[in-house]
Protein backbone atom coordinates (compact mmCIF):
# COMPACT_ATOMS: atom_id res chain seq x y z
CA MET A 1 9.76 17.76 -59.95
CA LEU A 2 8.27 21.15 -59.22
CA HIS A 3 8.00 22.12 -55.57
CA PHE A 4 6.05 25.35 -56.15
CA SER A 5 3.27 26.72 -58.31
CA VAL A 6 2.87 30.38 -59.23
CA ARG A 7 -0.29 32.34 -59.96
CA PHE A 8 -0.16 35.98 -60.90
CA VAL A 9 -2.57 38.45 -59.34
CA LYS A 10 -3.77 41.55 -61.15
CA ASP A 11 -3.14 44.20 -58.56
CA GLU A 12 -1.77 47.71 -58.61
CA LYS A 13 0.33 47.03 -55.55
CA ASN A 14 3.34 44.78 -55.86
CA LYS A 15 3.07 42.03 -53.32
CA ILE A 16 4.04 38.41 -52.95
CA ILE A 17 1.74 35.97 -51.18
CA ILE A 18 3.30 32.70 -50.06
CA SER A 19 1.10 29.80 -49.01
CA VAL A 20 2.51 26.77 -47.20
CA SER A 21 -0.14 24.38 -45.92
CA LYS A 22 0.02 21.98 -43.02
CA LYS A 23 0.24 19.16 -45.56
CA ILE A 24 3.84 20.24 -46.09
CA SER A 25 4.70 20.10 -42.39
CA LYS A 26 2.75 20.21 -39.16
CA LYS A 27 5.53 22.33 -37.62
CA ALA A 28 5.16 26.09 -37.99
CA VAL A 29 8.94 26.49 -37.81
CA ILE A 30 9.41 24.54 -41.04
CA ARG A 31 6.54 26.32 -42.81
CA ASN A 32 7.95 29.73 -41.82
CA THR A 33 11.44 28.70 -42.94
CA ILE A 34 10.09 27.88 -46.40
CA LYS A 35 8.35 31.28 -46.55
CA ARG A 36 11.53 33.13 -45.53
CA ARG A 37 13.64 31.29 -48.10
CA VAL A 38 11.13 32.04 -50.89
CA ARG A 39 10.98 35.73 -49.93
CA ALA A 40 14.78 35.94 -49.96
CA VAL A 41 14.96 34.53 -53.50
CA LEU A 42 12.19 36.75 -54.88
CA ARG A 43 13.58 39.92 -53.30
CA ASP A 44 16.04 40.22 -56.22
CA LEU A 45 13.37 40.00 -58.93
CA LYS A 46 11.49 42.93 -60.38
CA PRO A 47 8.29 43.93 -58.55
CA VAL A 48 5.44 41.56 -59.26
CA SER A 49 2.14 40.55 -57.65
CA CYS A 50 1.88 36.80 -57.35
CA LEU A 51 0.71 33.90 -55.23
CA ILE A 52 3.27 31.16 -54.62
CA ILE A 53 1.98 27.82 -53.35
CA ALA A 54 4.42 25.32 -51.87
CA LYS A 55 3.95 21.66 -52.73
CA PRO A 56 5.07 18.58 -50.78
CA GLY A 57 8.84 18.20 -50.88
CA ALA A 58 9.47 21.95 -50.67
CA GLU A 59 10.93 21.56 -47.19
CA ASN A 60 13.78 19.38 -48.51
CA ILE A 61 14.87 21.52 -51.47
CA LYS A 62 18.39 23.00 -51.35
CA GLY A 63 19.29 26.67 -51.83
CA LYS A 64 20.50 26.80 -55.44
CA GLU A 65 17.76 24.44 -56.61
CA LEU A 66 15.13 26.58 -54.85
CA GLU A 67 16.50 29.74 -56.43
CA SER A 68 16.63 28.35 -59.97
CA GLU A 69 13.15 26.78 -59.74
CA LEU A 70 11.45 29.93 -58.44
CA LYS A 71 13.19 32.26 -60.87
CA SER A 72 12.34 30.06 -63.84
CA LEU A 73 8.69 29.79 -62.74
CA VAL A 74 8.27 33.53 -62.23
CA VAL A 75 10.11 34.57 -65.40
CA SER A 76 8.38 32.00 -67.64
CA ARG A 77 4.87 32.75 -66.35
CA ARG A 78 5.27 36.53 -66.18
CA LEU A 79 4.57 36.87 -69.92
């Protein structure tokens, strides 16, 4: 099951936009934790401009699973 979706943005600047809605969790602490974890994983990848949208269940995903899912999504869709 995918916990994230990725959309690439045509932009000259390299930036990552992470969207975590209140449907995921009403608590800002949990939403911000998801954002921090996603940023930490994507910091190692080459510069890219993309929008990452978290889906329900993203708050329960473990570290290695999060890393492998995000890297596979970004690498496969970058083409």
